Every structure is written in structure tokens, then in C-alpha cells.
Amino acid sequence: MQTRKQALEKLSRSRFRSRFYLSEADKAYIRKVGMETIRTHAVRFVAERLSPAEPLHDGKQTPMRGHPVFIAQHATACCCRKCLQKWYRVPMHMPLSALQQEKIVGLILAWLQMEMEEKQNTEDK
């Protein structure tokens, strides 16, 4: 099983996944509400939209914009069950376990944190 760091590295080599980034508005929103609130949102989105064995509108349940977690879900291939199966071998047609949900949320938050730090690193130079 790959680590978060390995997963993020692999995703960064994907032409499609690597094109996602947080806008300044997304970053400002994260700074305003804090990462703990973002975590709460991620937990809810994963539980409601990905966890069921047969998610409603699977493949189209995660918008491409509107919330930083949505962007992160696409960037990390945690946007639908098909992507979870392709990238992480998570079986389709079975509900996600609590551990699987926790790992997905952890990866999403790691990507968001990386995006937030990237901006900070460029400002420091």
C-alpha cells in the first residue's frame, strides 16, 4: 500500500490530475474558516458522496469547482468510485469502510495543505 507522499507524487505525474490547483479565492476561504472546518466538510462530502456502495450520480457527484475540497478530490482522484478503483484499487459496489474514508480524507487534506504551503513558499522568496 502506498503512502500519502507516494500517492501525491504519482498524482503529480498525471497530466490530468496535476492541472488542478487552488485559486486565490479557495485559499482565502481556507484561511478564513480554518483547516478543521475544511476537514469537517471533507469528512461529510466523502461520507455522503463516495461512501455508499452505489453513490447517487456516480462519476458526476463531485463538482469541478465551488469548494476547495471538490478541487482536491479531483486532484487526488478521490472524486468518484471509478477513480478510486483505478488509482487505489478500492472495489466498486461496496460501501467504503471507516478506515477507507479516513485515508481518503487524509489524502485530500494533505493535498490541500501542500497547495496552501506552496503559496506560502513563493511569498517567502
Foldseek 3Di string as FASTA:
>chain_A
DDDLVVLLVVLCPDPQLVVFADDPVQLVVCVVVDVVVVLVVLLVCCVQAEFALDGDPFVPSQDCDDHLLSSLCSSSLNNGPVSCCVRPVDDHSHGDDPVRSVVSSVSSSVVVVVRNVVVVVVVVD
